[in-house]
Amino acid sequence: MAYVGTYTDHGQGIHLLRMNASTGELTPFKAVKTANPSWLTVHPTRPLLYATNEEAKGGVTAFEIQPDGDLKLIDRFDSLGSDPAHISVHSSGQFLLVSNFSSGNVVVFPIEADGSLGAATDQKNDLSACTPACEVGPQQPVEGPAGNFPEKLHNGAHAHMIQSDLSGKFVFVSDLGLDRTIVYRFDAEKGTLSDPHTVAASKGAGARHFALHPNGRWFYSLNEVSSMLTFMHFDAASGTLSPVLEISTLPKSFAGTNAGSEILFSPDHHFLYAGNRLHNTVAIFSVGKDGAPTLVGEEWTQGDHPRHFGFDPSGNFFYVCNQRSDDVTTFRVDRKTGKLTFADRFTPVGSPVCIVFRSL
């Protein structure tokens, strides 16, 4: 089963689609109405799905996944901030981590036995993580393509993504307005965040999403505004990130405006994929023996504004959510080269912005 989150200007909420594992075809099953479910996450061990409700009074809606893949509403909960952009389940499976974009804060909720959310165990404003205080980055990034006219997003703290490492001892937060990644120590008994460490990308870069290699040492941050990928080393003893290099997600010849979107490892972690909105491509990087990314190719998404993408559970198919062209496009994956080949399949979904899978 594939679940596609949408903005409900065109979308109908969470679109449920059945996937044919042989052909990759997605067949619409139904749509479950909820407001602007722009990010979805499936619990790794329990039949639970959580969706953000990206609104001024932000929310998180919890669902129980039924045996046929349908969603049964548990309840909607206050996200304790504005416009939640990302949620993830802590590696212990006991907490839901929420980043509220417009209010620039992150919140920890315990996951109860029935899948509902308990009272928040902690919340932090991104500005409080810096000593001395973090500064909001410039509107124009110092790195990236020439002729870039980015959205005016550097007007305060904007928590964009939150996720724990595999050990559960640390939680990472990317803040677009502050051009920083924040690392907190996490107390898995109390559900609290402490001892923040921050590391800056290039000024105005706009840290958006990140991916941590399962070896726990290589960290990759995608910068939305500069269209640059920052590779860092992570020290799991001290909880510190150390930048190694920044590399563009675009061809050297590109000039103009682009916005980075999603970053994702291949299932074998030999390749890394980064989305380019406006350029409308997925950049493909190989991951070297030292962790350094090398751009090896790109693939047109066959649509407009690729905001998110994901592999099916087999790793044979790759799906792109093209927000502005209102479709999900399907690609076959070459496991040896990491290259993508369009499978000539378009699935109509209004304003698709996130896709996740669960095997039934």
Protein backbone atom coordinates (compact mmCIF):
# COMPACT_ATOMS: atom_id res chain seq x y z
CA MET A 1 0.00 0.00 0.00
CA ALA A 2 1.21 3.51 -0.87
CA TYR A 3 0.03 6.53 1.10
CA VAL A 4 0.38 9.95 -0.53
CA GLY A 5 0.08 13.13 1.50
CA THR A 6 -1.21 16.22 -0.30
CA TYR A 7 -1.97 19.88 0.07
CA THR A 8 -5.73 20.07 0.06
CA ASP A 9 -5.92 22.92 -2.45
CA HIS A 10 -5.99 20.16 -5.09
CA GLY A 11 -5.57 16.98 -3.07
CA GLN A 12 -8.28 15.25 -1.09
CA GLY A 13 -6.19 14.46 1.99
CA ILE A 14 -4.26 11.19 2.24
CA HIS A 15 -4.57 9.22 -0.99
CA LEU A 16 -4.40 5.44 -0.59
CA LEU A 17 -3.08 3.48 -3.57
CA ARG A 18 -2.44 -0.21 -4.06
CA MET A 19 0.90 -1.06 -5.64
CA ASN A 20 1.52 -3.86 -8.12
CA ALA A 21 4.92 -5.22 -7.07
CA SER A 22 5.63 -6.60 -10.57
CA THR A 23 4.80 -3.56 -12.71
CA GLY A 24 5.02 -0.72 -10.19
CA GLU A 25 1.52 0.44 -11.11
CA LEU A 26 -0.37 2.40 -8.45
CA THR A 27 -4.15 1.90 -8.34
CA PRO A 28 -6.24 4.40 -6.35
CA PHE A 29 -8.10 2.80 -3.44
CA LYS A 30 -9.62 5.76 -1.60
CA ALA A 31 -8.82 9.15 -0.06
CA VAL A 32 -9.00 9.91 3.66
CA LYS A 33 -9.82 13.52 4.35
CA THR A 34 -7.61 15.52 6.69
CA ALA A 35 -6.28 19.07 6.29
CA ASN A 36 -2.96 19.55 4.45
CA PRO A 37 -1.29 16.24 5.37
CA SER A 38 2.03 17.43 3.93
CA TRP A 39 4.19 14.85 5.73
CA LEU A 40 3.43 11.24 6.61
CA THR A 41 5.32 8.73 8.68
CA VAL A 42 4.56 5.05 9.32
CA HIS A 43 5.50 3.51 12.65
CA PRO A 44 8.32 0.99 12.03
CA THR A 45 6.77 -1.85 14.07
CA ARG A 46 3.11 -0.98 14.70
CA PRO A 47 0.19 -0.46 12.27
CA LEU A 48 0.13 3.31 12.80
CA LEU A 49 0.37 6.26 10.43
CA TYR A 50 0.84 9.86 11.50
CA ALA A 51 0.20 12.91 9.34
CA THR A 52 1.04 16.57 9.83
CA ASN A 53 -1.74 19.10 9.38
CA GLU A 54 0.22 22.02 7.98
CA GLU A 55 -1.89 24.95 9.13
CA ALA A 56 -1.43 28.11 11.23
CA LYS A 57 -2.81 26.17 14.19
CA GLY A 58 -0.83 23.08 13.44
CA GLY A 59 -1.89 19.54 14.12
CA VAL A 60 -0.85 15.91 13.94
CA THR A 61 -3.47 13.31 13.02
CA ALA A 62 -3.01 9.69 14.09
CA PHE A 63 -4.46 6.71 12.21
CA GLU A 64 -4.54 2.97 12.77
CA ILE A 65 -3.70 1.02 9.60
CA GLN A 66 -6.34 -1.65 8.98
CA PRO A 67 -5.56 -5.15 7.57
CA ASP A 68 -6.70 -4.03 4.10
CA GLY A 69 -4.55 -0.88 4.25
CA ASP A 70 -7.41 1.49 5.05
CA LEU A 71 -6.90 4.16 7.71
CA LYS A 72 -9.00 4.39 10.87
CA LEU A 73 -8.89 7.76 12.61
CA ILE A 74 -7.55 7.76 16.16
CA ASP A 75 -7.59 11.53 16.76
CA ARG A 76 -6.06 14.88 15.82
CA PHE A 77 -3.63 16.52 18.24
CA ASP A 78 -2.30 20.06 18.61
CA SER A 79 1.29 20.24 17.28
CA LEU A 80 2.01 23.10 19.72
CA GLY A 81 3.21 25.28 16.87
CA SER A 82 2.45 26.61 13.41
CA ASP A 83 2.70 24.76 10.11
CA PRO A 84 4.29 21.45 11.13
CA ALA A 85 6.54 20.43 8.24
CA HIS A 86 7.95 17.11 9.41
CA ILE A 87 7.33 14.29 11.87
CA SER A 88 9.21 11.09 12.61
CA VAL A 89 9.04 8.21 15.07
CA HIS A 90 11.99 8.09 17.46
CA SER A 91 14.11 4.98 16.96
CA SER A 92 12.78 3.55 20.25
CA GLY A 93 9.27 3.59 18.76
CA GLN A 94 8.02 5.32 21.91
CA PHE A 95 7.93 8.98 20.83
CA LEU A 96 6.78 11.13 17.92
CA LEU A 97 9.08 14.02 17.01
CA VAL A 98 7.48 17.11 15.41
CA SER A 99 9.05 20.16 13.74
CA ASN A 100 6.86 23.26 13.41
CA PHE A 101 8.13 25.34 10.50
CA SER A 102 6.57 28.78 10.95
CA SER A 103 6.92 28.92 14.74
CA GLY A 104 10.47 27.51 14.63
CA ASN A 105 10.02 24.96 17.42
CA VAL A 106 10.22 21.20 17.88
CA VAL A 107 8.10 19.02 20.17
CA VAL A 108 8.33 15.50 21.61
CA PHE A 109 5.13 13.50 22.19
CA PRO A 110 4.92 10.04 23.78
CA ILE A 111 3.08 7.43 21.72
CA GLU A 112 0.44 5.72 23.84
CA ALA A 113 -0.63 2.07 23.70
CA ASP A 114 -3.56 2.86 21.39
CA GLY A 115 -1.42 4.96 19.04
CA SER A 116 -2.65 8.30 20.36
CA LEU A 117 -0.27 11.01 21.53
CA GLY A 118 0.21 11.86 25.20
CA ALA A 119 1.04 15.25 26.65
CA ALA A 120 4.30 16.66 25.26
CA THR A 121 7.38 15.66 27.24
CA ASP A 122 9.50 18.49 25.82
CA GLN A 123 9.58 21.32 23.33
CA LYS A 124 12.36 23.63 22.22
CA ASN A 125 12.59 26.77 20.10
CA ASP A 126 15.43 26.53 17.59
CA LEU A 127 16.74 29.97 18.58
CA SER A 128 17.38 28.71 22.12
CA ALA A 129 19.85 26.10 20.81
CA CYS A 130 22.55 28.67 19.99
CA THR A 131 25.07 30.22 22.37
CA PRO A 132 25.55 33.03 21.52
CA ALA A 133 22.21 33.52 19.77
CA CYS A 134 21.85 32.26 16.21
CA GLU A 135 21.43 34.84 13.48
CA VAL A 136 18.87 34.56 10.72
CA GLY A 137 20.63 33.96 7.41
CA PRO A 138 20.65 36.32 4.42
CA GLN A 139 17.90 36.13 1.79
CA GLN A 140 20.48 35.56 -0.95
CA PRO A 141 22.72 32.52 -0.45
CA VAL A 142 26.45 32.99 -0.82
CA GLU A 143 26.71 29.64 -2.66
CA GLY A 144 24.60 28.13 -5.43
CA PRO A 145 23.67 29.01 -9.00
CA ALA A 146 23.95 32.47 -10.48
CA GLY A 147 20.68 34.33 -11.02
CA ASN A 148 18.91 32.65 -8.11
CA PHE A 149 15.83 34.50 -6.80
CA PRO A 150 14.78 32.40 -3.79
CA GLU A 151 11.61 32.66 -1.74
CA LYS A 152 11.97 35.02 1.21
CA LEU A 153 12.23 32.36 3.88
CA HIS A 154 15.04 33.87 5.95
CA ASN A 155 12.80 35.81 8.31
CA GLY A 156 13.14 33.79 11.51
CA ALA A 157 13.72 30.30 12.82
CA HIS A 158 12.08 27.61 10.67
CA ALA A 159 12.38 24.04 11.94
CA HIS A 160 12.11 21.91 8.81
CA MET A 161 13.05 18.34 9.71
CA ILE A 162 13.51 16.34 12.91
CA GLN A 163 14.75 12.76 13.29
CA SER A 164 16.76 10.63 15.69
CA ASP A 165 19.85 8.60 14.93
CA LEU A 166 19.58 4.80 15.03
CA SER A 167 20.92 4.60 18.58
CA GLY A 168 18.20 6.95 19.80
CA LYS A 169 20.74 8.94 21.83
CA PHE A 170 20.60 11.99 19.55
CA VAL A 171 17.97 13.98 17.68
CA PHE A 172 18.81 16.13 14.65
CA VAL A 173 16.91 19.24 13.58
CA SER A 174 17.47 21.22 10.38
CA ASP A 175 16.49 24.88 10.51
CA LEU A 176 16.06 26.63 7.18
CA GLY A 177 15.97 30.20 8.48
CA LEU A 178 19.07 29.78 10.63
CA ASP A 179 21.04 27.77 8.02
CA ARG A 180 21.91 25.31 10.76
CA THR A 181 21.64 21.72 11.87
CA ILE A 182 21.00 21.26 15.58
CA VAL A 183 21.96 18.09 17.47
CA TYR A 184 20.29 17.35 20.82
CA ARG A 185 21.01 14.59 23.30
CA PHE A 186 17.83 12.61 23.89
CA ASP A 187 16.70 10.99 27.12
CA ALA A 188 14.65 8.01 25.96
CA GLU A 189 13.14 7.49 29.43
CA LYS A 190 11.95 11.07 29.95
CA GLY A 191 11.51 12.06 26.30
CA THR A 192 13.58 15.22 26.71
CA LEU A 193 16.06 17.14 24.58
CA SER A 194 19.24 18.66 26.03
CA ASP A 195 22.83 19.83 25.39
CA PRO A 196 22.33 21.22 21.87
CA HIS A 197 25.21 21.46 19.44
CA THR A 198 24.78 23.43 16.21
CA VAL A 199 26.69 23.54 12.95
CA ALA A 200 26.18 26.09 10.20
CA ALA A 201 25.93 25.56 6.47
CA SER A 202 27.04 28.34 4.10
CA LYS A 203 25.16 31.59 4.74
CA GLY A 204 21.69 31.69 3.26
CA ALA A 205 21.87 28.01 2.27
CA GLY A 206 18.57 27.07 3.91
CA ALA A 207 19.07 23.70 5.65
CA ARG A 208 16.00 21.62 4.78
CA HIS A 209 16.26 17.82 4.99
CA PHE A 210 19.02 15.39 5.91
CA ALA A 211 20.01 11.73 5.78
CA LEU A 212 22.26 9.83 8.19
CA HIS A 213 24.16 6.80 6.94
CA PRO A 214 23.48 3.64 9.01
CA ASN A 215 27.17 3.52 9.99
CA GLY A 216 26.27 6.49 12.21
CA ARG A 217 29.22 8.56 10.99
CA TRP A 218 28.22 10.15 7.67
CA PHE A 219 25.61 12.89 7.62
CA TYR A 220 24.21 14.60 4.53
CA SER A 221 22.21 17.85 4.66
CA LEU A 222 20.27 19.18 1.66
CA ASN A 223 20.09 22.97 1.51
CA GLU A 224 16.91 24.20 -0.14
CA VAL A 225 17.89 27.76 -1.09
CA SER A 226 21.45 27.20 -2.35
CA SER A 227 20.76 23.78 -3.94
CA MET A 228 23.89 22.49 -2.22
CA LEU A 229 24.47 19.18 -0.45
CA THR A 230 26.59 19.41 2.71
CA PHE A 231 28.52 16.29 3.73
CA MET A 232 29.50 16.09 7.41
CA HIS A 233 31.12 13.68 9.83
CA PHE A 234 29.15 12.84 12.97
CA ASP A 235 30.89 11.98 16.25
CA ALA A 236 28.44 9.80 18.16
CA ALA A 237 30.41 10.18 21.39
CA SER A 238 30.30 13.98 21.55
CA GLY A 239 27.21 14.54 19.39
CA THR A 240 29.03 16.95 17.09
CA LEU A 241 28.83 17.40 13.34
CA SER A 242 31.86 18.54 11.35
CA PRO A 243 31.37 19.81 7.76
CA VAL A 244 33.62 18.21 5.15
CA LEU A 245 32.37 19.60 1.83
CA GLU A 246 29.45 21.19 -0.03
CA ILE A 247 28.53 20.06 -3.53
CA SER A 248 25.86 21.33 -5.90
CA THR A 249 22.82 19.22 -6.78
CA LEU A 250 22.69 20.91 -10.21
CA PRO A 251 24.73 20.71 -13.43
CA LYS A 252 27.68 23.11 -13.60
CA SER A 253 26.04 24.93 -16.50
CA PHE A 254 22.80 25.67 -14.63
CA ALA A 255 21.86 29.27 -13.84
CA GLY A 256 18.63 30.63 -12.38
CA THR A 257 16.29 29.69 -9.56
CA ASN A 258 15.94 26.24 -8.06
CA ALA A 259 14.87 24.85 -4.69
CA GLY A 260 16.16 21.63 -3.18
CA SER A 261 13.47 19.35 -1.78
CA GLU A 262 14.14 15.80 -0.60
CA ILE A 263 17.21 13.66 0.11
CA LEU A 264 17.12 9.85 0.25
CA PHE A 265 19.50 6.90 0.32
CA SER A 266 19.10 3.91 -1.96
CA PRO A 267 18.19 0.78 0.02
CA ASP A 268 21.82 -0.44 -0.13
CA HIS A 269 23.11 3.06 0.80
CA HIS A 270 25.47 3.14 -2.19
CA PHE A 271 23.61 6.05 -3.77
CA LEU A 272 22.01 9.26 -2.60
CA TYR A 273 19.14 11.08 -4.35
CA ALA A 274 18.35 14.80 -4.08
CA GLY A 275 15.31 16.59 -5.50
CA ASN A 276 15.49 19.79 -7.56
CA ARG A 277 12.30 21.83 -7.85
CA LEU A 278 12.05 24.15 -10.89
CA HIS A 279 14.93 22.27 -12.53
CA ASN A 280 12.55 19.31 -12.05
CA THR A 281 15.18 16.61 -11.71
CA VAL A 282 16.42 14.07 -9.22
CA ALA A 283 20.19 14.35 -8.79
CA ILE A 284 21.97 11.02 -8.29
CA PHE A 285 25.13 10.80 -6.17
CA SER A 286 27.38 7.84 -5.57
CA VAL A 287 28.65 7.45 -2.01
CA GLY A 288 32.41 6.91 -1.85
CA LYS A 289 34.30 4.65 0.53
CA ASP A 290 35.03 7.74 2.62
CA GLY A 291 31.39 8.82 2.47
CA ALA A 292 31.98 11.70 0.07
CA PRO A 293 29.15 12.17 -2.48
CA THR A 294 29.91 12.40 -6.21
CA LEU A 295 27.29 13.56 -8.71
CA VAL A 296 26.92 10.78 -11.28
CA GLY A 297 23.74 11.74 -13.10
CA GLU A 298 20.26 13.19 -13.00
CA GLU A 299 16.80 12.19 -14.17
CA TRP A 300 13.92 14.39 -15.28
CA THR A 301 10.92 13.73 -13.06
CA GLN A 302 8.44 13.94 -15.96
CA GLY A 303 6.52 16.52 -13.91
CA ASP A 304 6.70 19.88 -12.17
CA HIS A 305 8.04 20.67 -8.68
CA PRO A 306 9.26 17.31 -7.31
CA ARG A 307 8.77 17.80 -3.58
CA HIS A 308 9.25 14.26 -2.34
CA PHE A 309 10.07 10.73 -3.53
CA GLY A 310 10.48 7.25 -2.18
CA PHE A 311 11.37 3.64 -2.92
CA ASP A 312 8.82 0.86 -2.70
CA PRO A 313 9.67 -1.86 -0.14
CA SER A 314 11.40 -4.01 -2.78
CA GLY A 315 13.67 -1.17 -3.89
CA ASN A 316 12.86 -1.87 -7.54
CA PHE A 317 10.68 1.20 -8.08
CA PHE A 318 11.12 4.88 -7.32
CA TYR A 319 8.14 7.24 -7.08
CA VAL A 320 8.23 11.04 -7.42
CA CYS A 321 5.56 13.40 -6.06
CA ASN A 322 5.29 16.26 -8.57
CA GLN A 323 3.38 18.88 -6.59
CA ARG A 324 2.52 21.38 -9.33
CA SER A 325 1.71 18.92 -12.12
CA ASP A 326 -0.58 16.91 -9.80
CA ASP A 327 0.90 13.49 -10.44
CA VAL A 328 3.13 10.74 -9.11
CA THR A 329 5.59 9.35 -11.65
CA THR A 330 7.11 5.86 -11.55
CA PHE A 331 10.72 4.90 -12.33
CA ARG A 332 12.59 1.63 -12.45
CA VAL A 333 15.85 1.49 -10.51
CA ASP A 334 19.19 0.14 -11.75
CA ARG A 335 20.70 -1.23 -8.56
CA LYS A 336 24.26 -1.26 -9.97
CA THR A 337 24.42 2.31 -11.27
CA GLY A 338 21.71 4.01 -9.21
CA LYS A 339 20.19 5.36 -12.43
CA LEU A 340 16.44 5.80 -12.86
CA THR A 341 14.40 4.93 -15.95
CA PHE A 342 10.88 6.27 -16.44
CA ALA A 343 8.36 3.40 -16.43
CA ASP A 344 5.83 5.41 -18.48
CA ARG A 345 3.38 5.54 -15.61
CA PHE A 346 1.65 8.67 -14.32
CA THR A 347 -0.71 8.44 -11.35
CA PRO A 348 -3.03 11.44 -10.95
CA VAL A 349 -2.98 12.90 -7.43
CA GLY A 350 -3.73 16.53 -6.63
CA SER A 351 -0.78 18.40 -5.05
CA PRO A 352 1.16 15.29 -3.96
CA VAL A 353 3.94 16.18 -1.51
CA CYS A 354 4.85 12.97 0.37
CA ILE A 355 4.75 9.23 -0.32
CA VAL A 356 5.30 6.37 2.13
CA PHE A 357 4.73 2.61 1.89
CA ARG A 358 3.62 -0.27 4.08
CA SER A 359 3.50 -3.93 3.15
CA LEU A 360 0.25 -5.61 4.13
